[in-house]
Amino acid sequence: MHRRVLTAGETAVLAMIQQGYGPQNSADSVFFTNAGEAVISVRASDGTSPLMANLSNLAAWRADGTISSDDELKSDWLRLANSQ
């Protein structure tokens, strides 16, 4: 699989993941699908993996308004209980 630089939107979603789940979720943990989508298996600080996040889709949906706010992205899609 090839690697590429994350887009600004993908980087913003990754930053939300890092804020909520910890810095262990780095760009080095991102893998790329055959279609070029950036995906990460999110790791919580306790070592569990609560979700798999497709950064490319989440960034696109946030940009086009499908996901209407950062709060919605954090609570509904990233399962972050406190979206502050």
N, C-alpha and C. Protein backbone atom coordinates (compact mmCIF):
# COMPACT_ATOMS: atom_id res chain seq x y z
N MET A 1 0.83 -1.19 0.00
CA MET A 1 0.00 0.00 0.00
C MET A 1 0.87 1.25 0.00
N HIS A 2 0.39 2.24 -0.66
CA HIS A 2 1.14 3.48 -0.74
C HIS A 2 0.80 4.40 0.43
N ARG A 3 1.69 5.30 0.71
CA ARG A 3 1.45 6.33 1.72
C ARG A 3 1.40 7.67 1.00
N ARG A 4 0.72 8.60 1.62
CA ARG A 4 0.65 9.95 1.09
C ARG A 4 0.50 10.89 2.26
N VAL A 5 0.62 12.17 1.99
CA VAL A 5 0.42 13.18 3.02
C VAL A 5 -1.08 13.31 3.26
N LEU A 6 -1.47 13.41 4.52
CA LEU A 6 -2.88 13.60 4.85
C LEU A 6 -3.35 14.97 4.37
N THR A 7 -4.60 15.04 3.95
CA THR A 7 -5.17 16.33 3.57
C THR A 7 -5.42 17.15 4.83
N ALA A 8 -5.72 18.42 4.66
CA ALA A 8 -6.01 19.29 5.81
C ALA A 8 -7.22 18.76 6.58
N GLY A 9 -8.25 18.31 5.87
CA GLY A 9 -9.43 17.77 6.54
C GLY A 9 -9.14 16.49 7.30
N GLU A 10 -8.37 15.60 6.72
CA GLU A 10 -7.99 14.36 7.39
C GLU A 10 -7.14 14.66 8.63
N THR A 11 -6.25 15.63 8.50
CA THR A 11 -5.41 16.03 9.64
C THR A 11 -6.27 16.60 10.76
N ALA A 12 -7.31 17.36 10.41
CA ALA A 12 -8.21 17.94 11.43
C ALA A 12 -8.96 16.84 12.17
N VAL A 13 -9.43 15.82 11.45
CA VAL A 13 -10.12 14.71 12.09
C VAL A 13 -9.14 13.94 12.98
N LEU A 14 -7.94 13.71 12.50
CA LEU A 14 -6.92 13.03 13.30
C LEU A 14 -6.62 13.81 14.57
N ALA A 15 -6.57 15.14 14.49
CA ALA A 15 -6.32 15.97 15.66
C ALA A 15 -7.44 15.80 16.70
N MET A 16 -8.69 15.68 16.24
CA MET A 16 -9.80 15.44 17.17
C MET A 16 -9.65 14.09 17.85
N ILE A 17 -9.22 13.09 17.08
CA ILE A 17 -8.99 11.76 17.64
C ILE A 17 -7.88 11.83 18.68
N GLN A 18 -6.81 12.52 18.37
CA GLN A 18 -5.69 12.65 19.32
C GLN A 18 -6.13 13.38 20.58
N GLN A 19 -6.94 14.41 20.43
CA GLN A 19 -7.42 15.17 21.58
C GLN A 19 -8.28 14.29 22.48
N GLY A 20 -9.12 13.46 21.87
CA GLY A 20 -10.04 12.65 22.66
C GLY A 20 -9.49 11.32 23.14
N TYR A 21 -8.61 10.71 22.34
CA TYR A 21 -8.12 9.37 22.66
C TYR A 21 -6.63 9.32 22.98
N GLY A 22 -5.90 10.37 22.65
CA GLY A 22 -4.49 10.41 23.01
C GLY A 22 -3.55 10.47 21.81
N PRO A 23 -2.31 10.92 22.09
CA PRO A 23 -1.32 11.14 21.04
C PRO A 23 -0.77 9.85 20.42
N GLN A 24 -1.09 8.70 21.02
CA GLN A 24 -0.65 7.43 20.43
C GLN A 24 -1.29 7.21 19.05
N ASN A 25 -2.33 7.97 18.75
CA ASN A 25 -2.99 7.91 17.45
C ASN A 25 -2.32 8.92 16.51
N SER A 26 -1.16 8.56 16.05
CA SER A 26 -0.36 9.48 15.23
C SER A 26 -0.57 9.22 13.75
N ALA A 27 -0.06 10.11 12.94
CA ALA A 27 -0.13 9.94 11.49
C ALA A 27 0.57 8.65 11.06
N ASP A 28 1.54 8.21 11.85
CA ASP A 28 2.24 6.95 11.54
C ASP A 28 1.32 5.74 11.69
N SER A 29 0.22 5.89 12.44
CA SER A 29 -0.73 4.80 12.66
C SER A 29 -1.78 4.71 11.55
N VAL A 30 -1.79 5.69 10.67
CA VAL A 30 -2.77 5.73 9.58
C VAL A 30 -2.32 4.79 8.47
N PHE A 31 -3.27 4.03 7.93
CA PHE A 31 -2.96 3.23 6.74
C PHE A 31 -3.88 3.67 5.62
N PHE A 32 -3.54 3.28 4.43
CA PHE A 32 -4.27 3.72 3.24
C PHE A 32 -4.85 2.52 2.51
N THR A 33 -6.12 2.62 2.17
CA THR A 33 -6.79 1.56 1.42
C THR A 33 -6.31 1.57 -0.02
N ASN A 34 -6.69 0.56 -0.76
CA ASN A 34 -6.34 0.51 -2.18
C ASN A 34 -6.95 1.68 -2.94
N ALA A 35 -8.05 2.22 -2.41
CA ALA A 35 -8.70 3.38 -3.03
C ALA A 35 -8.06 4.70 -2.58
N GLY A 36 -7.03 4.63 -1.74
CA GLY A 36 -6.34 5.83 -1.30
C GLY A 36 -6.95 6.52 -0.11
N GLU A 37 -7.91 5.87 0.55
CA GLU A 37 -8.54 6.47 1.73
C GLU A 37 -7.66 6.27 2.96
N ALA A 38 -7.59 7.31 3.80
CA ALA A 38 -6.81 7.25 5.03
C ALA A 38 -7.69 6.69 6.14
N VAL A 39 -7.20 5.64 6.81
CA VAL A 39 -7.97 4.95 7.85
C VAL A 39 -7.06 4.74 9.05
N ILE A 40 -7.66 4.82 10.26
CA ILE A 40 -6.90 4.56 11.48
C ILE A 40 -7.72 3.68 12.41
N SER A 41 -7.07 2.72 13.02
CA SER A 41 -7.66 1.94 14.09
C SER A 41 -7.34 2.71 15.37
N VAL A 42 -8.33 3.40 15.89
CA VAL A 42 -8.13 4.30 17.03
C VAL A 42 -7.79 3.49 18.27
N ARG A 43 -6.79 3.93 19.00
CA ARG A 43 -6.37 3.31 20.25
C ARG A 43 -6.65 4.26 21.41
N ALA A 44 -7.35 3.76 22.41
CA ALA A 44 -7.59 4.53 23.63
C ALA A 44 -6.36 4.41 24.53
N SER A 45 -6.29 5.26 25.53
CA SER A 45 -5.12 5.25 26.42
C SER A 45 -5.01 3.96 27.22
N ASP A 46 -6.11 3.23 27.38
CA ASP A 46 -6.07 1.95 28.10
C ASP A 46 -5.71 0.77 27.20
N GLY A 47 -5.40 1.06 25.93
CA GLY A 47 -4.97 0.02 25.00
C GLY A 47 -6.09 -0.60 24.18
N THR A 48 -7.33 -0.28 24.50
CA THR A 48 -8.44 -0.81 23.71
C THR A 48 -8.53 -0.08 22.38
N SER A 49 -9.25 -0.69 21.46
CA SER A 49 -9.46 -0.08 20.15
C SER A 49 -10.96 0.13 19.96
N PRO A 50 -11.46 1.32 20.37
CA PRO A 50 -12.91 1.55 20.36
C PRO A 50 -13.54 1.74 18.99
N LEU A 51 -12.75 2.08 17.99
CA LEU A 51 -13.33 2.29 16.68
C LEU A 51 -12.27 2.34 15.59
N MET A 52 -12.73 2.13 14.37
CA MET A 52 -11.93 2.30 13.17
C MET A 52 -12.50 3.53 12.48
N ALA A 53 -11.66 4.48 12.15
CA ALA A 53 -12.14 5.73 11.55
C ALA A 53 -11.55 5.91 10.16
N ASN A 54 -12.44 6.15 9.20
CA ASN A 54 -12.01 6.47 7.85
C ASN A 54 -11.88 8.00 7.79
N LEU A 55 -10.66 8.48 7.94
CA LEU A 55 -10.41 9.92 7.99
C LEU A 55 -10.86 10.62 6.72
N SER A 56 -10.68 9.95 5.58
CA SER A 56 -11.04 10.55 4.30
C SER A 56 -12.54 10.81 4.23
N ASN A 57 -13.35 9.81 4.56
CA ASN A 57 -14.80 9.98 4.52
C ASN A 57 -15.27 11.01 5.53
N LEU A 58 -14.78 10.91 6.76
CA LEU A 58 -15.21 11.85 7.80
C LEU A 58 -14.87 13.29 7.41
N ALA A 59 -13.68 13.50 6.86
CA ALA A 59 -13.28 14.84 6.44
C ALA A 59 -14.18 15.35 5.30
N ALA A 60 -14.47 14.48 4.35
CA ALA A 60 -15.33 14.87 3.22
C ALA A 60 -16.74 15.19 3.70
N TRP A 61 -17.28 14.37 4.58
CA TRP A 61 -18.63 14.59 5.09
C TRP A 61 -18.71 15.85 5.93
N ARG A 62 -17.66 16.15 6.67
CA ARG A 62 -17.63 17.40 7.45
C ARG A 62 -17.58 18.58 6.51
N ALA A 63 -16.77 18.49 5.45
CA ALA A 63 -16.61 19.59 4.50
C ALA A 63 -17.88 19.87 3.71
N ASP A 64 -18.63 18.81 3.33
CA ASP A 64 -19.82 19.03 2.51
C ASP A 64 -21.10 19.23 3.33
N GLY A 65 -20.98 19.19 4.65
CA GLY A 65 -22.13 19.46 5.51
C GLY A 65 -22.94 18.23 5.89
N THR A 66 -22.58 17.06 5.38
CA THR A 66 -23.27 15.83 5.80
C THR A 66 -23.15 15.67 7.31
N ILE A 67 -21.97 15.93 7.84
CA ILE A 67 -21.76 16.06 9.28
C ILE A 67 -21.75 17.56 9.54
N SER A 68 -22.76 18.04 10.27
CA SER A 68 -23.00 19.49 10.32
C SER A 68 -22.07 20.28 11.22
N SER A 69 -21.41 19.63 12.18
CA SER A 69 -20.55 20.39 13.10
C SER A 69 -19.44 19.49 13.65
N ASP A 70 -18.43 20.13 14.21
CA ASP A 70 -17.36 19.37 14.86
C ASP A 70 -17.92 18.62 16.06
N ASP A 71 -18.89 19.21 16.78
CA ASP A 71 -19.49 18.53 17.92
C ASP A 71 -20.18 17.23 17.48
N GLU A 72 -20.90 17.29 16.36
CA GLU A 72 -21.55 16.08 15.84
C GLU A 72 -20.51 15.05 15.44
N LEU A 73 -19.45 15.48 14.80
CA LEU A 73 -18.38 14.57 14.40
C LEU A 73 -17.79 13.88 15.63
N LYS A 74 -17.51 14.66 16.66
CA LYS A 74 -16.90 14.11 17.87
C LYS A 74 -17.84 13.15 18.60
N SER A 75 -19.08 13.56 18.80
CA SER A 75 -19.98 12.74 19.61
C SER A 75 -20.58 11.57 18.84
N ASP A 76 -21.06 11.80 17.64
CA ASP A 76 -21.78 10.76 16.90
C ASP A 76 -20.88 9.83 16.11
N TRP A 77 -19.77 10.33 15.63
CA TRP A 77 -18.91 9.54 14.74
C TRP A 77 -17.64 9.05 15.42
N LEU A 78 -17.08 9.85 16.33
CA LEU A 78 -15.85 9.45 17.00
C LEU A 78 -16.09 8.91 18.41
N ARG A 79 -17.36 8.91 18.83
CA ARG A 79 -17.76 8.37 20.14
C ARG A 79 -17.03 9.04 21.30
N LEU A 80 -16.84 10.32 21.19
CA LEU A 80 -16.23 11.08 22.28
C LEU A 80 -17.35 11.66 23.12
N ALA A 81 -17.48 11.19 24.35
CA ALA A 81 -18.60 11.57 25.21
C ALA A 81 -18.63 13.06 25.49
N ASN A 82 -17.48 13.63 25.79
CA ASN A 82 -17.41 15.06 26.09
C ASN A 82 -16.81 15.75 24.89
N SER A 83 -17.63 16.42 24.10
CA SER A 83 -17.14 17.01 22.84
C SER A 83 -16.61 18.42 23.03
N GLN A 84 -16.19 18.76 24.21
CA GLN A 84 -15.65 20.11 24.48
C GLN A 84 -14.24 20.22 23.97
